[in-house]
């Protein structure tokens, strides 16, 4: 059984209630979409995450979650730790305050978090009012899934299971890494969606991307806000043309505000939200595999349905660390970085 089975069931119940309020019928495979243990080698959770990329390391005044899933992350460690390599990470981190380490990692785009640094009362994704509510979609809801990896595609899979017309749109230059890393899991998350690929660097491809976004009732993204600003696809410009749009923005620490530029993945975000177990000696350990991802995917789907019921015009601000913190509160976990 999942260590966050209770919070997952709570979110699934919210989804079912919101779908019923909209008159939607359907069901989804909760276990199949929120558990990838059969799709990649996973170790037992401890100070090292089950997938092996994230570690919990003591700093001078607390604990850090240091996630190095990409080769580029490993290459940046010496710049972060004044010449220390990943092999010497523990010793270099132990000498410094965790907040200073997080600040330095953030400047380099490294997914590093203080354990328990984020608190939240619940798992609900807040709404940012950007556009204007309308009468709601007429007929079958059109969803454009621009997200990658786990949380966003899971949100799209849930909406598809309740009858939405979902299209997964990928960049031809940077397709979803899950296609090759976990192909069977990728299929479970995306088999009910239509496929479309565009070159986001090409003017024609970008123009078609804009048209496709404006034609959707719901857009799901997992890139930070600045990526859309750089492509001249800011929410402000899109909501100006489509005021009743629902934009589901999945991010590490929130779509807007002081932490909007922080990078996060499922394991470090779970630790940031305090979704860890603590030993009697005061050492944290992971509870499971990238738990912030499935929790946030379900929270995002519940938020999307609620936003549709209200007529849209909002950004559903589904942040991994916030959702994890809400799940930790649901489970009665405590502990700070």
C-alpha atoms as a PDB file:
ATOM      1  CA  UNK A   1       0.000   0.000   0.000  1.00  0.00           C
ATOM      2  CA  UNK A   2       1.205   3.515  -0.811  1.00  0.00           C
ATOM      3  CA  UNK A   3       2.534   5.447   2.194  1.00  0.00           C
ATOM      4  CA  UNK A   4       0.262   8.308   1.081  1.00  0.00           C
ATOM      5  CA  UNK A   5      -2.776   6.124   0.365  1.00  0.00           C
ATOM      6  CA  UNK A   6      -4.955   8.222   2.671  1.00  0.00           C
ATOM      7  CA  UNK A   7      -4.223  11.585   0.995  1.00  0.00           C
ATOM      8  CA  UNK A   8      -4.541   9.975  -2.449  1.00  0.00           C
ATOM      9  CA  UNK A   9      -7.998   8.677  -1.542  1.00  0.00           C
ATOM     10  CA  UNK A  10      -8.987  12.111  -0.226  1.00  0.00           C
ATOM     11  CA  UNK A  11      -8.006  13.685  -3.546  1.00  0.00           C
ATOM     12  CA  UNK A  12      -9.717  10.948  -5.549  1.00  0.00           C
ATOM     13  CA  UNK A  13     -12.881  11.638  -3.556  1.00  0.00           C
ATOM     14  CA  UNK A  14     -12.669  15.343  -4.391  1.00  0.00           C
ATOM     15  CA  UNK A  15     -12.279  14.503  -8.065  1.00  0.00           C
ATOM     16  CA  UNK A  16     -15.308  12.208  -8.019  1.00  0.00           C
ATOM     17  CA  UNK A  17     -17.410  14.862  -6.271  1.00  0.00           C
ATOM     18  CA  UNK A  18     -16.373  17.613  -8.695  1.00  0.00           C
ATOM     19  CA  UNK A  19     -16.978  15.382 -11.711  1.00  0.00           C
ATOM     20  CA  UNK A  20     -20.436  14.475 -10.417  1.00  0.00           C
ATOM     21  CA  UNK A  21     -21.255  18.154  -9.924  1.00  0.00           C
ATOM     22  CA  UNK A  22     -20.421  18.729 -13.590  1.00  0.00           C
ATOM     23  CA  UNK A  23     -22.511  15.748 -14.626  1.00  0.00           C
ATOM     24  CA  UNK A  24     -19.438  13.841 -15.798  1.00  0.00           C
ATOM     25  CA  UNK A  25     -19.237  10.093 -15.506  1.00  0.00           C
ATOM     26  CA  UNK A  26     -16.139   7.959 -15.430  1.00  0.00           C
ATOM     27  CA  UNK A  27     -13.520   6.322 -13.257  1.00  0.00           C
ATOM     28  CA  UNK A  28      -9.749   6.031 -13.247  1.00  0.00           C
ATOM     29  CA  UNK A  29      -7.214   3.492 -12.072  1.00  0.00           C
ATOM     30  CA  UNK A  30      -5.915   5.186  -8.924  1.00  0.00           C
ATOM     31  CA  UNK A  31      -3.208   2.600  -8.241  1.00  0.00           C
ATOM     32  CA  UNK A  32      -2.096   2.328 -11.861  1.00  0.00           C
ATOM     33  CA  UNK A  33      -1.630   6.078 -12.279  1.00  0.00           C
ATOM     34  CA  UNK A  34      -0.051   6.820  -8.903  1.00  0.00           C
ATOM     35  CA  UNK A  35       2.399   3.919  -8.595  1.00  0.00           C
ATOM     36  CA  UNK A  36       5.293   3.286 -10.979  1.00  0.00           C
ATOM     37  CA  UNK A  37       7.079   0.692  -8.844  1.00  0.00           C
ATOM     38  CA  UNK A  38       6.713  -1.954 -11.545  1.00  0.00           C
ATOM     39  CA  UNK A  39       8.068   0.321 -14.261  1.00  0.00           C
ATOM     40  CA  UNK A  40      11.601   1.093 -13.078  1.00  0.00           C
ATOM     41  CA  UNK A  41      14.094  -0.274 -10.546  1.00  0.00           C
ATOM     42  CA  UNK A  42      13.374   1.191  -7.133  1.00  0.00           C
ATOM     43  CA  UNK A  43      15.203   0.641  -3.891  1.00  0.00           C
ATOM     44  CA  UNK A  44      13.830   0.817  -0.376  1.00  0.00           C
ATOM     45  CA  UNK A  45      13.263   4.407   0.794  1.00  0.00           C
ATOM     46  CA  UNK A  46      15.794   5.712   3.276  1.00  0.00           C
ATOM     47  CA  UNK A  47      18.195   8.619   3.229  1.00  0.00           C
ATOM     48  CA  UNK A  48      18.382   7.905  -0.511  1.00  0.00           C
ATOM     49  CA  UNK A  49      15.233   8.147  -2.621  1.00  0.00           C
ATOM     50  CA  UNK A  50      13.960   4.885  -4.164  1.00  0.00           C
ATOM     51  CA  UNK A  51      15.046   5.996  -7.648  1.00  0.00           C
ATOM     52  CA  UNK A  52      18.529   6.860  -6.354  1.00  0.00           C
ATOM     53  CA  UNK A  53      18.723  10.473  -7.530  1.00  0.00           C
ATOM     54  CA  UNK A  54      17.826  12.371  -4.351  1.00  0.00           C
ATOM     55  CA  UNK A  55      19.585  12.195  -1.007  1.00  0.00           C
ATOM     56  CA  UNK A  56      18.899  13.674   2.412  1.00  0.00           C
ATOM     57  CA  UNK A  57      22.020  15.346   3.756  1.00  0.00           C
ATOM     58  CA  UNK A  58      22.634  17.100   7.093  1.00  0.00           C
ATOM     59  CA  UNK A  59      23.579  20.768   6.833  1.00  0.00           C
ATOM     60  CA  UNK A  60      25.005  22.839   9.677  1.00  0.00           C
ATOM     61  CA  UNK A  61      21.547  23.654  11.058  1.00  0.00           C
ATOM     62  CA  UNK A  62      19.072  21.268   9.446  1.00  0.00           C
ATOM     63  CA  UNK A  63      18.548  18.823   6.598  1.00  0.00           C
ATOM     64  CA  UNK A  64      18.695  19.203   2.847  1.00  0.00           C
ATOM     65  CA  UNK A  65      17.144  17.184   0.030  1.00  0.00           C
ATOM     66  CA  UNK A  66      19.652  17.256  -2.827  1.00  0.00           C
ATOM     67  CA  UNK A  67      18.264  15.907  -6.090  1.00  0.00           C
ATOM     68  CA  UNK A  68      20.662  15.290  -8.985  1.00  0.00           C
ATOM     69  CA  UNK A  69      18.590  13.457 -11.630  1.00  0.00           C
ATOM     70  CA  UNK A  70      20.238  15.044 -14.692  1.00  0.00           C
ATOM     71  CA  UNK A  71      23.835  14.987 -15.883  1.00  0.00           C
ATOM     72  CA  UNK A  72      23.767  18.788 -15.946  1.00  0.00           C
ATOM     73  CA  UNK A  73      22.952  18.771 -12.239  1.00  0.00           C
ATOM     74  CA  UNK A  74      26.039  16.732 -11.435  1.00  0.00           C
ATOM     75  CA  UNK A  75      28.150  19.107 -13.521  1.00  0.00           C
ATOM     76  CA  UNK A  76      26.872  22.104 -11.519  1.00  0.00           C
ATOM     77  CA  UNK A  77      27.724  20.724  -8.076  1.00  0.00           C
ATOM     78  CA  UNK A  78      31.286  22.176  -8.010  1.00  0.00           C
ATOM     79  CA  UNK A  79      29.901  25.640  -8.841  1.00  0.00           C
ATOM     80  CA  UNK A  80      27.370  25.262  -6.044  1.00  0.00           C
ATOM     81  CA  UNK A  81      29.830  23.953  -3.424  1.00  0.00           C
ATOM     82  CA  UNK A  82      32.955  25.949  -4.269  1.00  0.00           C
ATOM     83  CA  UNK A  83      34.729  23.128  -6.077  1.00  0.00           C
ATOM     84  CA  UNK A  84      33.413  20.098  -4.187  1.00  0.00           C
ATOM     85  CA  UNK A  85      32.158  17.262  -6.372  1.00  0.00           C
ATOM     86  CA  UNK A  86      29.063  15.157  -5.837  1.00  0.00           C
ATOM     87  CA  UNK A  87      31.281  12.588  -4.114  1.00  0.00           C
ATOM     88  CA  UNK A  88      32.292  15.146  -1.508  1.00  0.00           C
ATOM     89  CA  UNK A  89      28.846  16.673  -1.196  1.00  0.00           C
ATOM     90  CA  UNK A  90      28.148  15.524   2.365  1.00  0.00           C
ATOM     91  CA  UNK A  91      31.217  17.123   3.875  1.00  0.00           C
ATOM     92  CA  UNK A  92      30.738  20.394   1.977  1.00  0.00           C
ATOM     93  CA  UNK A  93      27.051  20.681   2.930  1.00  0.00           C
ATOM     94  CA  UNK A  94      27.656  19.894   6.603  1.00  0.00           C
ATOM     95  CA  UNK A  95      29.593  23.121   7.092  1.00  0.00           C
ATOM     96  CA  UNK A  96      26.894  25.528   5.861  1.00  0.00           C
ATOM     97  CA  UNK A  97      23.405  26.716   6.856  1.00  0.00           C
ATOM     98  CA  UNK A  98      20.683  25.041   4.812  1.00  0.00           C
ATOM     99  CA  UNK A  99      19.067  28.326   3.734  1.00  0.00           C
ATOM    100  CA  UNK A 100      22.336  29.538   2.209  1.00  0.00           C
ATOM    101  CA  UNK A 101      22.713  26.238   0.378  1.00  0.00           C
ATOM    102  CA  UNK A 102      19.174  26.414  -0.982  1.00  0.00           C
ATOM    103  CA  UNK A 103      19.734  29.986  -2.165  1.00  0.00           C
ATOM    104  CA  UNK A 104      22.931  29.035  -3.988  1.00  0.00           C
ATOM    105  CA  UNK A 105      21.335  25.994  -5.594  1.00  0.00           C
ATOM    106  CA  UNK A 106      18.382  28.057  -6.720  1.00  0.00           C
ATOM    107  CA  UNK A 107      20.620  30.478  -8.613  1.00  0.00           C
ATOM    108  CA  UNK A 108      22.041  27.520 -10.558  1.00  0.00           C
ATOM    109  CA  UNK A 109      18.698  25.801 -11.168  1.00  0.00           C
ATOM    110  CA  UNK A 110      19.480  22.841  -8.928  1.00  0.00           C
ATOM    111  CA  UNK A 111      16.541  21.032  -7.266  1.00  0.00           C
ATOM    112  CA  UNK A 112      17.609  21.393  -3.639  1.00  0.00           C
ATOM    113  CA  UNK A 113      15.272  21.965  -0.698  1.00  0.00           C
ATOM    114  CA  UNK A 114      15.279  22.287   3.059  1.00  0.00           C
ATOM    115  CA  UNK A 115      13.438  19.386   4.620  1.00  0.00           C
ATOM    116  CA  UNK A 116      10.126  20.697   5.944  1.00  0.00           C
ATOM    117  CA  UNK A 117      10.667  24.253   4.722  1.00  0.00           C
ATOM    118  CA  UNK A 118       7.147  24.517   3.224  1.00  0.00           C
ATOM    119  CA  UNK A 119       3.949  24.329   5.270  1.00  0.00           C
ATOM    120  CA  UNK A 120       0.357  24.057   4.049  1.00  0.00           C
ATOM    121  CA  UNK A 121      -2.960  23.363   5.715  1.00  0.00           C
ATOM    122  CA  UNK A 122      -4.329  21.197   2.894  1.00  0.00           C
ATOM    123  CA  UNK A 123      -3.603  19.840  -0.579  1.00  0.00           C
ATOM    124  CA  UNK A 124      -5.954  22.097  -2.558  1.00  0.00           C
ATOM    125  CA  UNK A 125      -4.356  24.086  -5.389  1.00  0.00           C
ATOM    126  CA  UNK A 126      -5.210  27.795  -5.066  1.00  0.00           C
ATOM    127  CA  UNK A 127      -6.717  29.738  -7.958  1.00  0.00           C
ATOM    128  CA  UNK A 128      -5.153  32.854  -9.446  1.00  0.00           C
ATOM    129  CA  UNK A 129      -7.811  35.049 -11.062  1.00  0.00           C
ATOM    130  CA  UNK A 130      -6.458  36.148 -14.418  1.00  0.00           C
ATOM    131  CA  UNK A 131      -9.361  36.146 -16.843  1.00  0.00           C
ATOM    132  CA  UNK A 132     -13.118  36.179 -16.505  1.00  0.00           C
ATOM    133  CA  UNK A 133     -15.559  33.407 -15.773  1.00  0.00           C
ATOM    134  CA  UNK A 134     -17.840  32.355 -18.596  1.00  0.00           C
ATOM    135  CA  UNK A 135     -20.840  30.041 -18.910  1.00  0.00           C
ATOM    136  CA  UNK A 136     -18.601  26.990 -18.930  1.00  0.00           C
ATOM    137  CA  UNK A 137     -17.691  24.735 -21.862  1.00  0.00           C
ATOM    138  CA  UNK A 138     -20.473  23.537 -24.084  1.00  0.00           C
ATOM    139  CA  UNK A 139     -20.173  19.895 -25.100  1.00  0.00           C
ATOM    140  CA  UNK A 140     -17.065  17.811 -24.608  1.00  0.00           C
ATOM    141  CA  UNK A 141     -14.279  19.610 -22.754  1.00  0.00           C
ATOM    142  CA  UNK A 142     -11.094  20.090 -24.758  1.00  0.00           C
ATOM    143  CA  UNK A 143      -7.858  19.681 -22.810  1.00  0.00           C
ATOM    144  CA  UNK A 144      -4.359  20.455 -24.082  1.00  0.00           C
ATOM    145  CA  UNK A 145      -1.668  18.669 -22.091  1.00  0.00           C
ATOM    146  CA  UNK A 146       1.695  20.390 -22.554  1.00  0.00           C
ATOM    147  CA  UNK A 147       3.186  18.808 -19.447  1.00  0.00           C
ATOM    148  CA  UNK A 148       5.829  16.123 -19.066  1.00  0.00           C
ATOM    149  CA  UNK A 149       6.930  13.467 -16.567  1.00  0.00           C
ATOM    150  CA  UNK A 150       4.280  12.505 -13.977  1.00  0.00           C
ATOM    151  CA  UNK A 151       2.081  15.089 -12.249  1.00  0.00           C
ATOM    152  CA  UNK A 152       0.797  16.919 -15.337  1.00  0.00           C
ATOM    153  CA  UNK A 153       0.223  13.839 -17.497  1.00  0.00           C
ATOM    154  CA  UNK A 154      -1.584  12.255 -14.532  1.00  0.00           C
ATOM    155  CA  UNK A 155      -3.899  15.263 -14.346  1.00  0.00           C
ATOM    156  CA  UNK A 156      -4.631  14.888 -18.062  1.00  0.00           C
ATOM    157  CA  UNK A 157      -5.209  11.143 -17.701  1.00  0.00           C
ATOM    158  CA  UNK A 158      -7.809  11.720 -14.970  1.00  0.00           C
ATOM    159  CA  UNK A 159      -9.675  14.291 -17.070  1.00  0.00           C
ATOM    160  CA  UNK A 160      -9.621  11.905 -20.026  1.00  0.00           C
ATOM    161  CA  UNK A 161     -11.036   9.127 -17.846  1.00  0.00           C
ATOM    162  CA  UNK A 162     -14.065  11.337 -17.160  1.00  0.00           C
ATOM    163  CA  UNK A 163     -14.684  12.014 -20.834  1.00  0.00           C
ATOM    164  CA  UNK A 164     -12.594  15.064 -21.687  1.00  0.00           C
ATOM    165  CA  UNK A 165     -11.019  15.245 -25.148  1.00  0.00           C
ATOM    166  CA  UNK A 166      -7.314  15.397 -24.223  1.00  0.00           C
ATOM    167  CA  UNK A 167      -4.413  16.031 -26.607  1.00  0.00           C
ATOM    168  CA  UNK A 168      -0.823  15.547 -25.488  1.00  0.00           C
ATOM    169  CA  UNK A 169       1.350  18.093 -27.265  1.00  0.00           C
ATOM    170  CA  UNK A 170       5.130  17.643 -27.121  1.00  0.00           C
ATOM    171  CA  UNK A 171       8.083  19.601 -28.371  1.00  0.00           C
ATOM    172  CA  UNK A 172       9.817  17.841 -31.265  1.00  0.00           C
ATOM    173  CA  UNK A 173      13.143  18.951 -29.781  1.00  0.00           C
ATOM    174  CA  UNK A 174      12.399  18.007 -26.162  1.00  0.00           C
ATOM    175  CA  UNK A 175       9.798  15.244 -25.984  1.00  0.00           C
ATOM    176  CA  UNK A 176       8.564  13.896 -22.668  1.00  0.00           C
ATOM    177  CA  UNK A 177      11.525  11.986 -21.103  1.00  0.00           C
ATOM    178  CA  UNK A 178       9.100   9.378 -19.758  1.00  0.00           C
ATOM    179  CA  UNK A 179       8.553   8.094 -23.297  1.00  0.00           C
ATOM    180  CA  UNK A 180      11.885   6.322 -23.142  1.00  0.00           C
ATOM    181  CA  UNK A 181      12.616   6.187 -19.396  1.00  0.00           C
ATOM    182  CA  UNK A 182       9.383   4.424 -18.364  1.00  0.00           C
ATOM    183  CA  UNK A 183       7.525   3.549 -21.581  1.00  0.00           C
ATOM    184  CA  UNK A 184       4.842   1.351 -19.999  1.00  0.00           C
ATOM    185  CA  UNK A 185       4.055   3.956 -17.360  1.00  0.00           C
ATOM    186  CA  UNK A 186       4.043   6.636 -20.053  1.00  0.00           C
ATOM    187  CA  UNK A 187       1.475   4.565 -21.942  1.00  0.00           C
ATOM    188  CA  UNK A 188      -0.780   4.291 -18.888  1.00  0.00           C
ATOM    189  CA  UNK A 189      -0.679   8.042 -18.379  1.00  0.00           C
ATOM    190  CA  UNK A 190      -1.201   8.970 -22.017  1.00  0.00           C
ATOM    191  CA  UNK A 191      -2.981   6.168 -23.872  1.00  0.00           C
ATOM    192  CA  UNK A 192      -6.358   7.926 -23.832  1.00  0.00           C
ATOM    193  CA  UNK A 193      -4.924  11.135 -25.348  1.00  0.00           C
ATOM    194  CA  UNK A 194      -4.421  12.216 -28.932  1.00  0.00           C
ATOM    195  CA  UNK A 195      -0.811  12.960 -29.937  1.00  0.00           C
ATOM    196  CA  UNK A 196       0.585  16.139 -31.456  1.00  0.00           C
ATOM    197  CA  UNK A 197       4.184  17.355 -31.839  1.00  0.00           C
ATOM    198  CA  UNK A 198       5.368  20.858 -32.759  1.00  0.00           C
ATOM    199  CA  UNK A 199       8.709  22.613 -33.009  1.00  0.00           C
ATOM    200  CA  UNK A 200       8.397  25.346 -30.388  1.00  0.00           C
ATOM    201  CA  UNK A 201      11.496  27.095 -31.761  1.00  0.00           C
ATOM    202  CA  UNK A 202       9.936  27.481 -35.211  1.00  0.00           C
ATOM    203  CA  UNK A 203       7.690  30.552 -35.740  1.00  0.00           C
ATOM    204  CA  UNK A 204       5.051  28.489 -37.506  1.00  0.00           C
ATOM    205  CA  UNK A 205       5.134  25.861 -34.790  1.00  0.00           C
ATOM    206  CA  UNK A 206       4.819  28.526 -32.109  1.00  0.00           C
ATOM    207  CA  UNK A 207       1.922  30.151 -33.914  1.00  0.00           C
ATOM    208  CA  UNK A 208       0.131  26.814 -34.096  1.00  0.00           C
ATOM    209  CA  UNK A 209       0.891  26.220 -30.420  1.00  0.00           C
ATOM    210  CA  UNK A 210      -0.823  29.488 -29.566  1.00  0.00           C
ATOM    211  CA  UNK A 211      -3.834  28.633 -31.692  1.00  0.00           C
ATOM    212  CA  UNK A 212      -4.092  25.209 -30.068  1.00  0.00           C
ATOM    213  CA  UNK A 213      -3.879  26.679 -26.567  1.00  0.00           C
ATOM    214  CA  UNK A 214      -6.611  29.201 -27.332  1.00  0.00           C
ATOM    215  CA  UNK A 215      -8.854  26.471 -28.748  1.00  0.00           C
ATOM    216  CA  UNK A 216      -8.676  24.440 -25.516  1.00  0.00           C
ATOM    217  CA  UNK A 217     -10.911  24.775 -22.477  1.00  0.00           C
ATOM    218  CA  UNK A 218      -8.126  23.533 -20.186  1.00  0.00           C
ATOM    219  CA  UNK A 219      -4.366  23.824 -20.674  1.00  0.00           C
ATOM    220  CA  UNK A 220      -2.001  21.770 -18.483  1.00  0.00           C
ATOM    221  CA  UNK A 221       1.633  22.866 -18.195  1.00  0.00           C
ATOM    222  CA  UNK A 222       4.655  21.862 -16.135  1.00  0.00           C
ATOM    223  CA  UNK A 223       7.177  24.505 -17.227  1.00  0.00           C
ATOM    224  CA  UNK A 224       7.910  27.590 -15.173  1.00  0.00           C
ATOM    225  CA  UNK A 225       6.156  30.835 -16.068  1.00  0.00           C
ATOM    226  CA  UNK A 226       9.252  32.408 -17.584  1.00  0.00           C
ATOM    227  CA  UNK A 227       9.346  29.744 -20.299  1.00  0.00           C
ATOM    228  CA  UNK A 228       5.992  30.940 -21.612  1.00  0.00           C
ATOM    229  CA  UNK A 229       7.012  34.588 -21.326  1.00  0.00           C
ATOM    230  CA  UNK A 230      10.045  33.819 -23.485  1.00  0.00           C
ATOM    231  CA  UNK A 231       7.795  32.236 -26.129  1.00  0.00           C
ATOM    232  CA  UNK A 232       5.392  35.223 -25.979  1.00  0.00           C
ATOM    233  CA  UNK A 233       2.709  32.924 -24.595  1.00  0.00           C
ATOM    234  CA  UNK A 234       2.148  34.594 -21.259  1.00  0.00           C
ATOM    235  CA  UNK A 235      -1.108  33.921 -19.424  1.00  0.00           C
ATOM    236  CA  UNK A 236      -1.982  37.608 -19.676  1.00  0.00           C
ATOM    237  CA  UNK A 237      -1.866  37.526 -23.470  1.00  0.00           C
ATOM    238  CA  UNK A 238      -3.796  34.270 -23.749  1.00  0.00           C
ATOM    239  CA  UNK A 239      -6.477  35.200 -21.206  1.00  0.00           C
ATOM    240  CA  UNK A 240      -6.935  38.496 -23.065  1.00  0.00           C
ATOM    241  CA  UNK A 241      -8.149  36.456 -26.041  1.00  0.00           C
ATOM    242  CA  UNK A 242      -9.705  33.581 -24.092  1.00  0.00           C
ATOM    243  CA  UNK A 243     -10.846  35.003 -20.729  1.00  0.00           C
ATOM    244  CA  UNK A 244     -12.618  31.814 -19.595  1.00  0.00           C
ATOM    245  CA  UNK A 245      -9.598  29.546 -20.067  1.00  0.00           C
ATOM    246  CA  UNK A 246      -8.531  27.193 -17.272  1.00  0.00           C
ATOM    247  CA  UNK A 247      -4.717  27.024 -17.073  1.00  0.00           C
ATOM    248  CA  UNK A 248      -3.441  24.247 -14.803  1.00  0.00           C
ATOM    249  CA  UNK A 249       0.098  25.333 -13.925  1.00  0.00           C
ATOM    250  CA  UNK A 250       2.115  22.592 -12.253  1.00  0.00           C
ATOM    251  CA  UNK A 251       5.366  23.878 -10.762  1.00  0.00           C
ATOM    252  CA  UNK A 252       7.729  23.240  -7.909  1.00  0.00           C
ATOM    253  CA  UNK A 253       6.909  26.145  -5.604  1.00  0.00           C
ATOM    254  CA  UNK A 254       4.091  28.090  -7.249  1.00  0.00           C
ATOM    255  CA  UNK A 255       3.385  29.867 -10.495  1.00  0.00           C
ATOM    256  CA  UNK A 256       3.984  33.379  -9.197  1.00  0.00           C
ATOM    257  CA  UNK A 257       5.745  35.032  -6.316  1.00  0.00           C
ATOM    258  CA  UNK A 258       9.214  34.936  -4.847  1.00  0.00           C
ATOM    259  CA  UNK A 259       9.834  31.218  -5.386  1.00  0.00           C
ATOM    260  CA  UNK A 260       8.365  30.841  -8.880  1.00  0.00           C
ATOM    261  CA  UNK A 261      11.780  30.286 -10.447  1.00  0.00           C
ATOM    262  CA  UNK A 262      12.746  27.353  -8.191  1.00  0.00           C
ATOM    263  CA  UNK A 263      13.265  23.969  -9.844  1.00  0.00           C
ATOM    264  CA  UNK A 264      11.786  20.890  -8.193  1.00  0.00           C
ATOM    265  CA  UNK A 265      11.066  17.228  -8.840  1.00  0.00           C
ATOM    266  CA  UNK A 266       8.896  14.802  -6.926  1.00  0.00           C
ATOM    267  CA  UNK A 267      11.399  13.660  -4.290  1.00  0.00           C
ATOM    268  CA  UNK A 268      12.938  16.984  -3.271  1.00  0.00           C
ATOM    269  CA  UNK A 269       9.494  18.644  -3.333  1.00  0.00           C
ATOM    270  CA  UNK A 270       8.125  15.915  -1.047  1.00  0.00           C
ATOM    271  CA  UNK A 271      10.970  16.571   1.394  1.00  0.00           C
ATOM    272  CA  UNK A 272      10.423  20.336   1.170  1.00  0.00           C
ATOM    273  CA  UNK A 273       6.838  19.777   2.249  1.00  0.00           C
ATOM    274  CA  UNK A 274       7.884  17.611   5.190  1.00  0.00           C
ATOM    275  CA  UNK A 275       6.537  14.442   3.604  1.00  0.00           C
ATOM    276  CA  UNK A 276       9.230  12.310   5.218  1.00  0.00           C
ATOM    277  CA  UNK A 277       9.524   9.954   8.176  1.00  0.00           C
ATOM    278  CA  UNK A 278      11.679  10.893  11.149  1.00  0.00           C
ATOM    279  CA  UNK A 279      13.743   8.424  13.161  1.00  0.00           C
ATOM    280  CA  UNK A 280      13.923   8.490  16.927  1.00  0.00           C
ATOM    281  CA  UNK A 281      17.351  10.066  16.497  1.00  0.00           C
ATOM    282  CA  UNK A 282      15.943  12.963  14.472  1.00  0.00           C
ATOM    283  CA  UNK A 283      17.044  11.825  11.012  1.00  0.00           C
ATOM    284  CA  UNK A 284      14.634  12.090   8.066  1.00  0.00           C
ATOM    285  CA  UNK A 285      14.009   9.366   5.495  1.00  0.00           C
ATOM    286  CA  UNK A 286      11.975   9.228   2.314  1.00  0.00           C
ATOM    287  CA  UNK A 287       8.512   7.695   2.552  1.00  0.00           C
ATOM    288  CA  UNK A 288       8.283   6.528  -1.069  1.00  0.00           C
ATOM    289  CA  UNK A 289       8.909   7.261  -4.727  1.00  0.00           C
ATOM    290  CA  UNK A 290       8.575  10.918  -5.839  1.00  0.00           C
ATOM    291  CA  UNK A 291       5.384  11.239  -3.793  1.00  0.00           C
ATOM    292  CA  UNK A 292       4.781  14.908  -4.591  1.00  0.00           C
ATOM    293  CA  UNK A 293       4.102  13.967  -8.215  1.00  0.00           C
ATOM    294  CA  UNK A 294       1.037  11.710  -7.902  1.00  0.00           C
ATOM    295  CA  UNK A 295      -0.409  13.870  -5.135  1.00  0.00           C
ATOM    296  CA  UNK A 296      -0.043  17.024  -7.210  1.00  0.00           C
ATOM    297  CA  UNK A 297      -1.443  15.359 -10.330  1.00  0.00           C
ATOM    298  CA  UNK A 298      -4.634  14.490  -8.466  1.00  0.00           C
ATOM    299  CA  UNK A 299      -4.827  17.890  -6.758  1.00  0.00           C
ATOM    300  CA  UNK A 300      -4.440  19.554 -10.159  1.00  0.00           C
ATOM    301  CA  UNK A 301      -7.248  17.444 -11.645  1.00  0.00           C
ATOM    302  CA  UNK A 302      -9.562  18.310  -8.754  1.00  0.00           C
ATOM    303  CA  UNK A 303      -8.689  21.986  -9.224  1.00  0.00           C
ATOM    304  CA  UNK A 304      -9.311  21.826 -12.964  1.00  0.00           C
ATOM    305  CA  UNK A 305     -12.776  20.355 -12.448  1.00  0.00           C
ATOM    306  CA  UNK A 306     -13.659  22.954  -9.817  1.00  0.00           C
ATOM    307  CA  UNK A 307     -12.410  25.747 -12.081  1.00  0.00           C
ATOM    308  CA  UNK A 308     -14.536  24.449 -14.964  1.00  0.00           C
ATOM    309  CA  UNK A 309     -17.586  24.362 -12.706  1.00  0.00           C
ATOM    310  CA  UNK A 310     -16.965  28.022 -11.846  1.00  0.00           C
ATOM    311  CA  UNK A 311     -16.690  29.026 -15.500  1.00  0.00           C
ATOM    312  CA  UNK A 312     -12.903  29.232 -15.791  1.00  0.00           C
ATOM    313  CA  UNK A 313     -10.865  32.390 -16.038  1.00  0.00           C
ATOM    314  CA  UNK A 314      -8.228  31.173 -13.577  1.00  0.00           C
ATOM    315  CA  UNK A 315      -4.803  29.637 -13.213  1.00  0.00           C
ATOM    316  CA  UNK A 316      -4.903  26.514 -11.027  1.00  0.00           C
ATOM    317  CA  UNK A 317      -1.630  26.946  -9.131  1.00  0.00           C
ATOM    318  CA  UNK A 318      -0.652  23.337  -8.414  1.00  0.00           C
ATOM    319  CA  UNK A 319       2.747  23.391  -6.693  1.00  0.00           C
ATOM    320  CA  UNK A 320       4.537  20.152  -5.835  1.00  0.00           C
ATOM    321  CA  UNK A 321       5.965  21.354  -2.520  1.00  0.00           C
ATOM    322  CA  UNK A 322       2.654  22.891  -1.398  1.00  0.00           C
ATOM    323  CA  UNK A 323       0.731  19.717  -2.178  1.00  0.00           C
ATOM    324  CA  UNK A 324       3.304  17.592  -0.371  1.00  0.00           C
ATOM    325  CA  UNK A 325       3.058  19.865   2.664  1.00  0.00           C
ATOM    326  CA  UNK A 326      -0.716  19.506   2.635  1.00  0.00           C
ATOM    327  CA  UNK A 327      -0.372  15.710   2.497  1.00  0.00           C
ATOM    328  CA  UNK A 328       2.100  15.820   5.394  1.00  0.00           C
ATOM    329  CA  UNK A 329      -0.477  17.795   7.387  1.00  0.00           C
ATOM    330  CA  UNK A 330      -3.140  15.228   6.442  1.00  0.00           C
ATOM    331  CA  UNK A 331      -0.877  12.461   7.763  1.00  0.00           C
ATOM    332  CA  UNK A 332       0.119  14.373  10.910  1.00  0.00           C
ATOM    333  CA  UNK A 333       3.792  14.484  10.017  1.00  0.00           C
ATOM    334  CA  UNK A 334       6.071  17.212  11.374  1.00  0.00           C
ATOM    335  CA  UNK A 335       9.662  18.305  11.151  1.00  0.00           C
ATOM    336  CA  UNK A 336      11.523  21.307   9.821  1.00  0.00           C
ATOM    337  CA  UNK A 337      14.680  21.798   7.824  1.00  0.00           C
END
